[in-house]
Amino acid sequence: MLAKSINLNTRVLEIRDSMTCLSVLAIRMFSMSDVQDWHIHLRCGYSRDGSSIILVNLDDARAKNSSYDWKDRTMFTAHDYIEKNFDSLNDGDVIDVEFILGETDKKKISERFN
């Protein structure tokens, strides 16, 4: 039996940096049902405004709910950017850390097109 969709607001994204390409899942912690409200907001304490984004590295399943919890510039910069721009991002978008930091003037394209 297949489980019902949980209807969380998510994006699958590609993080790029110098010699780095990571697939991630970004999850907006905002309830869309009474069950989610209980677990997400009441039990676990995530903000009701949906500003918290959990970022999951799909290669190794490491996950953080704050950009400040990552201990490297790639994930910190990407997570911070995703938190600030979640609504304008689409599945498959590239989060180019070098471009965000102004180290390059041309945004990288997705590895899936190479």
Protein backbone atom coordinates (compact mmCIF):
# COMPACT_ATOMS: atom_id res chain seq x y z
CA MET A 1 0.00 0.00 0.00
CA LEU A 2 1.34 3.42 -0.95
CA ALA A 3 1.29 6.17 1.63
CA LYS A 4 -0.66 9.35 0.97
CA SER A 5 1.36 12.36 -0.08
CA ILE A 6 2.31 14.51 2.87
CA ASN A 7 1.94 17.74 0.87
CA LEU A 8 4.97 19.49 2.32
CA ASN A 9 6.33 22.34 0.24
CA THR A 10 9.59 20.99 -1.22
CA ARG A 11 12.21 21.68 -3.89
CA VAL A 12 14.86 19.35 -5.31
CA LEU A 13 17.87 21.53 -6.09
CA GLU A 14 21.45 21.24 -7.32
CA ILE A 15 24.15 22.97 -5.30
CA ARG A 16 27.27 23.87 -7.26
CA ASP A 17 30.58 25.24 -6.04
CA SER A 18 34.19 24.84 -7.10
CA MET A 19 34.58 21.11 -7.86
CA THR A 20 31.25 20.42 -6.08
CA CYS A 21 27.86 19.21 -7.26
CA LEU A 22 25.29 18.12 -4.67
CA SER A 23 21.66 17.11 -4.97
CA VAL A 24 19.53 18.40 -2.10
CA LEU A 25 15.95 18.42 -0.93
CA ALA A 26 14.70 21.66 0.62
CA ILE A 27 11.60 21.35 2.82
CA ARG A 28 9.63 24.36 4.04
CA MET A 29 8.49 23.59 7.59
CA PHE A 30 4.93 24.84 7.25
CA SER A 31 1.92 22.70 8.05
CA MET A 32 -0.75 21.92 5.50
CA SER A 33 -2.96 19.72 7.71
CA ASP A 34 -3.93 19.26 11.36
CA VAL A 35 -1.56 16.30 11.69
CA GLN A 36 1.35 18.31 10.28
CA ASP A 37 0.43 21.25 12.51
CA TRP A 38 0.68 19.03 15.58
CA HIS A 39 4.06 17.56 14.67
CA ILE A 40 5.75 20.50 12.93
CA HIS A 41 4.60 23.47 14.98
CA LEU A 42 3.17 22.28 18.28
CA ARG A 43 5.42 19.32 19.08
CA CYS A 44 8.69 20.33 17.36
CA GLY A 45 8.36 24.11 17.60
CA TYR A 46 9.02 25.19 14.01
CA SER A 47 7.89 28.73 13.32
CA ARG A 48 4.36 29.04 11.94
CA ASP A 49 5.49 31.57 9.31
CA GLY A 50 7.22 28.87 7.24
CA SER A 51 10.59 30.59 7.41
CA SER A 52 12.45 27.46 8.51
CA ILE A 53 13.86 25.32 5.71
CA ILE A 54 15.29 21.87 6.34
CA LEU A 55 18.00 21.10 3.80
CA VAL A 56 18.78 17.43 3.14
CA ASN A 57 21.89 16.33 1.24
CA LEU A 58 20.48 13.52 -0.88
CA ASP A 59 23.89 11.81 -1.27
CA ASP A 60 24.34 11.03 2.42
CA ALA A 61 21.03 12.08 4.06
CA ARG A 62 22.68 14.72 6.28
CA ALA A 63 20.09 17.34 7.16
CA LYS A 64 20.10 20.68 8.94
CA ASN A 65 17.31 23.15 9.70
CA SER A 66 19.56 26.22 9.88
CA SER A 67 22.23 27.48 7.54
CA TYR A 68 24.39 28.21 10.60
CA ASP A 69 24.53 24.48 11.49
CA TRP A 70 26.59 23.63 8.40
CA LYS A 71 30.34 23.73 8.97
CA ASP A 72 31.41 24.58 5.41
CA ARG A 73 30.96 27.57 3.13
CA THR A 74 29.19 25.63 0.37
CA MET A 75 26.30 24.37 2.45
CA PHE A 76 26.08 27.49 4.64
CA THR A 77 25.89 29.81 1.61
CA ALA A 78 23.48 27.57 -0.31
CA HIS A 79 21.16 27.02 2.67
CA ASP A 80 21.10 30.74 3.48
CA TYR A 81 20.27 31.55 -0.16
CA ILE A 82 17.54 28.89 -0.26
CA GLU A 83 15.97 30.22 2.97
CA LYS A 84 15.84 33.74 1.53
CA ASN A 85 14.65 32.73 -1.97
CA PHE A 86 12.58 29.57 -1.46
CA ASP A 87 9.41 30.91 -3.09
CA SER A 88 11.22 31.89 -6.29
CA LEU A 89 13.01 28.54 -6.67
CA ASN A 90 11.82 25.62 -8.81
CA ASP A 91 12.69 21.94 -8.83
CA GLY A 92 16.01 21.48 -10.60
CA ASP A 93 17.31 25.01 -10.07
CA VAL A 94 21.05 25.44 -9.60
CA ILE A 95 22.28 27.15 -6.45
CA ASP A 96 25.72 28.36 -7.58
CA VAL A 97 27.76 29.33 -4.51
CA GLU A 98 30.58 30.95 -6.50
CA PHE A 99 28.03 33.09 -8.38
CA ILE A 100 26.18 34.03 -5.15
CA LEU A 101 29.47 35.13 -3.56
CA GLY A 102 30.47 37.14 -6.64
CA GLU A 103 33.47 34.95 -7.43
CA THR A 104 32.19 34.29 -10.95
CA ASP A 105 30.03 36.39 -13.25
CA LYS A 106 28.27 33.51 -15.01
CA LYS A 107 25.95 31.09 -13.25
CA LYS A 108 26.69 27.39 -13.74
CA ILE A 109 24.17 25.21 -15.59
CA SER A 110 22.85 21.97 -14.17
CA GLU A 111 25.07 18.93 -14.37
CA ARG A 112 22.09 17.02 -15.75
CA PHE A 113 22.48 18.98 -19.03
CA ASN A 114 26.15 18.01 -19.51
